Amino acid sequence: MRILLAEDDASQAESIKTWLEMDGYNVDWVERGNHAILAIEQHHYDCVLLDRGLPGNTGDEILTALRRKQLDTPVIFITAKDSIQDRVDGLDLGANDYLVKPFSLEELSARVRSQLRTRQTQPDHQIRFANLLLDTQAKTLTQDGHAVNLTAKEFQILYKLMQKPEHIVTREQLEESLYAWGDEIESNAIEVFIYQLRKKIGSHLIKTIRGLGYRMQQEQA
C-alpha cells in the first residue's frame, strides 16, 4: 500500500512517515502543494494525507483538483484548523476524514486502516487466477485450497500481476508498487522476488516477457 504525505512541517512529517512505514506502508513525502499535485498525477496512491495549509497550493486546492478529475482516492485532512466550520468545510470539499493537530500516531494509523477497509469491502477483494486465490483483505494466498506463505513484498508483486493477468507489468511498475521515493533498490530485487514466487506457486504461472516485464499465464510450461 502506498501513501502520499503532504506536510510542510519537516519534524512532524518525519514522525508520521516513520510511523506509517512501521505499519508496512510505502510513504512518499512532499512539502509543497504543487509537488503533491504532480505526485498524484504521476503515481497511484491508496491514501493521501493532506495538510490544508501547504505552500504552493493549499490542501483545499489540491483536494478540489483531485475530485474534479473524478479520482476517488481516500483523502484525510491533517490540519490545525479545528473549528466545527473548518471540519464541515473540509468534509464538504470531498475529504474522507478530518484529523486535527496535534493527534496521536495510533489514531492516524486507525483512520488510515479505516479508509483502506472501506475500499476493500468491495466484492473484488478476492482475486482468482488458475488455481490461485488471493485475498486482499486477509492478505492471504491459497493454491488448490492450501495456504501459501508469502512475504509482504511477494504478496504485493503477485497482487500487481493478478489484477490484470493478461497485461504485461514492467519491472519499473513493480518497483513503484514496492518502494517509496529514496528507498535503495538493488538492481536484481524484482528478479529475486519473482524467483521466490515461482518456487512457491510454480514457475509456469509467471511468464517473463523478455525486454518488457512479466505477466501471468494459464498454460503449463
Protein backbone atom coordinates (compact mmCIF):
# COMPACT_ATOMS: atom_id res chain seq x y z
CA MET A 1 0.00 0.00 0.00
CA ARG A 2 1.33 3.40 -0.99
CA ILE A 3 0.53 6.65 0.84
CA LEU A 4 1.22 10.26 -0.13
CA LEU A 5 2.00 12.55 2.81
CA ALA A 6 1.76 16.28 2.01
CA GLU A 7 3.06 18.14 5.07
CA ASP A 8 5.36 21.17 5.28
CA ASP A 9 6.41 20.64 8.92
CA ALA A 10 9.51 18.51 8.44
CA SER A 11 9.67 17.24 12.04
CA GLN A 12 6.05 16.14 12.06
CA ALA A 13 6.31 14.65 8.58
CA GLU A 14 9.33 12.54 9.56
CA SER A 15 7.46 11.20 12.59
CA ILE A 16 4.37 10.33 10.52
CA LYS A 17 6.42 8.78 7.72
CA THR A 18 8.47 6.62 10.09
CA TRP A 19 5.37 5.51 11.99
CA LEU A 20 3.40 4.52 8.89
CA GLU A 21 6.40 2.69 7.42
CA MET A 22 6.48 0.64 10.62
CA ASP A 23 2.86 -0.26 9.80
CA GLY A 24 4.09 -1.63 6.47
CA TYR A 25 3.11 1.23 4.14
CA ASN A 26 5.30 2.87 1.50
CA VAL A 27 5.17 6.62 2.15
CA ASP A 28 6.08 9.41 -0.29
CA TRP A 29 6.52 12.79 1.42
CA VAL A 30 6.19 16.21 -0.23
CA GLU A 31 6.40 19.63 1.43
CA ARG A 32 4.64 21.78 -1.19
CA GLY A 33 1.16 21.64 -2.63
CA ASN A 34 2.29 21.83 -6.24
CA HIS A 35 4.56 18.85 -5.63
CA ALA A 36 1.59 16.93 -4.20
CA ILE A 37 -0.44 17.61 -7.36
CA LEU A 38 2.46 16.39 -9.52
CA ALA A 39 2.84 13.24 -7.41
CA ILE A 40 -0.88 12.42 -7.67
CA GLU A 41 -0.75 12.88 -11.44
CA GLN A 42 2.22 10.53 -11.82
CA HIS A 43 1.55 7.79 -9.25
CA HIS A 44 -1.27 5.71 -7.82
CA TYR A 45 -1.88 6.17 -4.09
CA ASP A 46 -4.09 4.14 -1.79
CA CYS A 47 -4.50 7.09 0.58
CA VAL A 48 -3.46 10.77 0.74
CA LEU A 49 -2.68 12.61 3.99
CA LEU A 50 -3.10 16.29 3.26
CA ASP A 51 -2.25 19.36 5.32
CA ARG A 52 -4.63 22.21 4.49
CA GLY A 53 -2.00 24.94 4.91
CA LEU A 54 0.62 23.90 2.36
CA PRO A 55 2.76 26.39 0.41
CA GLY A 56 2.45 26.36 -3.37
CA ASN A 57 -1.10 25.07 -3.46
CA THR A 58 -3.31 24.73 -0.39
CA GLY A 59 -4.70 21.41 0.68
CA ASP A 60 -8.15 22.66 -0.32
CA GLU A 61 -6.95 23.42 -3.84
CA ILE A 62 -5.30 20.01 -4.15
CA LEU A 63 -8.41 18.17 -2.99
CA THR A 64 -10.64 20.20 -5.31
CA ALA A 65 -8.38 19.40 -8.28
CA LEU A 66 -8.32 15.71 -7.33
CA ARG A 67 -12.11 15.45 -7.13
CA ARG A 68 -12.60 17.39 -10.37
CA LYS A 69 -10.59 14.64 -12.07
CA GLN A 70 -13.03 12.15 -10.51
CA LEU A 71 -10.27 10.43 -8.57
CA ASP A 72 -11.79 8.66 -5.57
CA THR A 73 -8.52 8.20 -3.66
CA PRO A 74 -9.24 8.46 0.10
CA VAL A 75 -8.04 11.81 1.47
CA ILE A 76 -7.54 12.54 5.16
CA PHE A 77 -7.02 16.19 6.09
CA ILE A 78 -4.38 16.60 8.82
CA THR A 79 -4.61 20.20 9.97
CA ALA A 80 -4.55 22.69 12.83
CA LYS A 81 -7.86 24.19 11.62
CA ASP A 82 -10.07 22.88 14.38
CA SER A 83 -13.37 24.77 14.36
CA ILE A 84 -16.61 22.98 13.56
CA GLN A 85 -16.97 25.09 10.42
CA ASP A 86 -13.44 24.18 9.33
CA ARG A 87 -14.31 20.49 9.66
CA VAL A 88 -17.59 20.90 7.82
CA ASP A 89 -15.90 22.82 5.01
CA GLY A 90 -13.15 20.23 4.68
CA LEU A 91 -15.55 17.30 4.51
CA ASP A 92 -17.81 19.17 2.08
CA LEU A 93 -14.81 19.68 -0.21
CA GLY A 94 -14.59 15.92 -0.54
CA ALA A 95 -12.26 14.81 2.26
CA ASN A 96 -12.97 11.32 3.56
CA ASP A 97 -11.80 12.13 7.08
CA TYR A 98 -10.55 15.07 9.13
CA LEU A 99 -7.85 14.83 11.81
CA VAL A 100 -6.98 17.86 13.94
CA LYS A 101 -3.41 18.53 15.08
CA PRO A 102 -1.99 17.57 17.49
CA PHE A 103 -3.11 13.96 17.07
CA SER A 104 -1.76 10.61 18.19
CA LEU A 105 0.01 8.47 15.63
CA GLU A 106 -2.04 5.49 16.83
CA GLU A 107 -5.23 7.32 15.87
CA LEU A 108 -3.77 8.27 12.48
CA SER A 109 -2.98 4.60 11.81
CA ALA A 110 -6.53 3.62 12.76
CA ARG A 111 -8.05 6.21 10.45
CA VAL A 112 -5.85 5.11 7.54
CA ARG A 113 -6.86 1.49 8.16
CA SER A 114 -10.50 2.53 8.24
CA GLN A 115 -10.25 4.20 4.82
CA LEU A 116 -8.45 1.22 3.32
CA ARG A 117 -11.03 -1.20 4.77
CA THR A 118 -13.84 0.85 3.25
CA ARG A 119 -12.28 0.48 -0.19
CA GLN A 120 -11.53 -3.19 0.27
CA THR A 121 -15.09 -4.16 1.22
CA GLN A 122 -15.94 -4.18 -2.46
CA PRO A 123 -16.68 -7.70 -3.78
CA ASP A 124 -13.39 -7.88 -5.70
CA HIS A 125 -11.24 -8.31 -2.59
CA GLN A 126 -10.67 -11.88 -3.73
CA ILE A 127 -8.79 -12.39 -6.99
CA ARG A 128 -8.70 -15.77 -8.70
CA PHE A 129 -6.29 -16.97 -11.34
CA ALA A 130 -5.80 -20.59 -12.34
CA ASN A 131 -5.57 -22.47 -9.03
CA LEU A 132 -4.65 -19.36 -7.00
CA LEU A 133 -6.93 -17.36 -4.70
CA LEU A 134 -5.53 -14.05 -3.43
CA ASP A 135 -7.46 -12.34 -0.63
CA THR A 136 -6.53 -8.66 -0.33
CA GLN A 137 -8.43 -8.22 2.94
CA ALA A 138 -6.95 -11.19 4.80
CA LYS A 139 -3.61 -10.77 2.98
CA THR A 140 -3.54 -14.49 2.22
CA LEU A 141 -2.86 -16.72 -0.76
CA THR A 142 -4.19 -20.22 -1.25
CA GLN A 143 -3.36 -22.64 -4.05
CA ASP A 144 -5.70 -25.58 -4.58
CA GLY A 145 -7.11 -24.72 -1.16
CA HIS A 146 -3.75 -24.88 0.61
CA ALA A 147 -2.20 -21.82 2.26
CA VAL A 148 0.94 -20.40 0.67
CA ASN A 149 3.12 -18.23 2.91
CA LEU A 150 4.29 -15.05 1.20
CA THR A 151 6.37 -12.13 2.39
CA ALA A 152 4.75 -8.69 2.17
CA LYS A 153 6.67 -7.80 -0.99
CA GLU A 154 5.96 -11.16 -2.64
CA PHE A 155 2.27 -10.64 -1.90
CA GLN A 156 2.35 -7.14 -3.41
CA ILE A 157 4.07 -8.34 -6.60
CA LEU A 158 1.60 -11.19 -7.08
CA TYR A 159 -1.30 -8.83 -6.43
CA LYS A 160 0.02 -6.44 -9.07
CA LEU A 161 0.36 -9.28 -11.59
CA MET A 162 -3.05 -10.81 -10.82
CA GLN A 163 -5.00 -7.54 -11.00
CA LYS A 164 -4.88 -7.66 -14.80
CA PRO A 165 -3.32 -11.03 -15.57
CA GLU A 166 -3.50 -10.56 -19.35
CA HIS A 167 -1.38 -7.38 -19.14
CA ILE A 168 2.40 -7.14 -19.01
CA VAL A 169 3.69 -5.47 -15.85
CA THR A 170 7.07 -3.81 -16.23
CA ARG A 171 9.89 -4.06 -13.74
CA GLU A 172 9.54 -0.32 -13.10
CA GLN A 173 5.83 -0.70 -12.27
CA LEU A 174 6.62 -3.48 -9.83
CA GLU A 175 9.34 -1.40 -8.18
CA GLU A 176 6.94 1.53 -7.85
CA SER A 177 4.40 -0.68 -6.08
CA LEU A 178 7.02 -1.88 -3.59
CA TYR A 179 9.22 1.08 -2.75
CA ALA A 180 8.80 4.70 -1.71
CA TRP A 181 10.91 7.56 -3.08
CA GLY A 182 14.50 7.44 -1.90
CA ASP A 183 14.44 3.77 -0.96
CA GLU A 184 17.51 1.84 -2.06
CA ILE A 185 16.55 -0.76 -4.66
CA GLU A 186 19.00 -3.48 -5.53
CA SER A 187 19.36 -3.93 -9.27
CA ASN A 188 18.09 -7.51 -9.20
CA ALA A 189 15.46 -7.12 -6.44
CA ILE A 190 12.43 -7.79 -8.66
CA GLU A 191 14.08 -10.81 -10.25
CA VAL A 192 14.76 -12.25 -6.78
CA PHE A 193 11.14 -11.77 -5.69
CA ILE A 194 9.86 -13.36 -8.91
CA TYR A 195 12.23 -16.29 -8.39
CA GLN A 196 10.95 -16.80 -4.84
CA LEU A 197 7.33 -16.58 -6.00
CA ARG A 198 7.92 -19.18 -8.70
CA LYS A 199 9.43 -21.54 -6.13
CA LYS A 200 6.27 -21.23 -4.02
CA ILE A 201 3.49 -21.35 -6.67
CA GLY A 202 5.18 -22.95 -9.70
CA SER A 203 7.35 -21.42 -12.39
CA HIS A 204 4.72 -21.88 -15.12
CA LEU A 205 2.27 -19.33 -13.67
CA ILE A 206 4.51 -16.27 -14.11
CA LYS A 207 5.87 -15.67 -17.59
CA THR A 208 8.85 -13.45 -18.38
CA ILE A 209 8.29 -11.27 -21.44
CA ARG A 210 11.85 -10.56 -22.47
CA GLY A 211 12.69 -6.87 -22.53
CA LEU A 212 9.21 -5.88 -21.29
CA GLY A 213 8.33 -7.42 -17.93
CA TYR A 214 6.10 -10.15 -16.54
CA ARG A 215 2.54 -11.41 -16.78
CA MET A 216 0.51 -14.36 -15.52
CA GLN A 217 -0.11 -17.34 -17.76
CA GLN A 218 -2.56 -20.22 -17.53
CA GLU A 219 -0.89 -22.95 -19.51
CA GLN A 220 1.62 -25.39 -18.08
CA ALA A 221 5.14 -24.80 -19.38
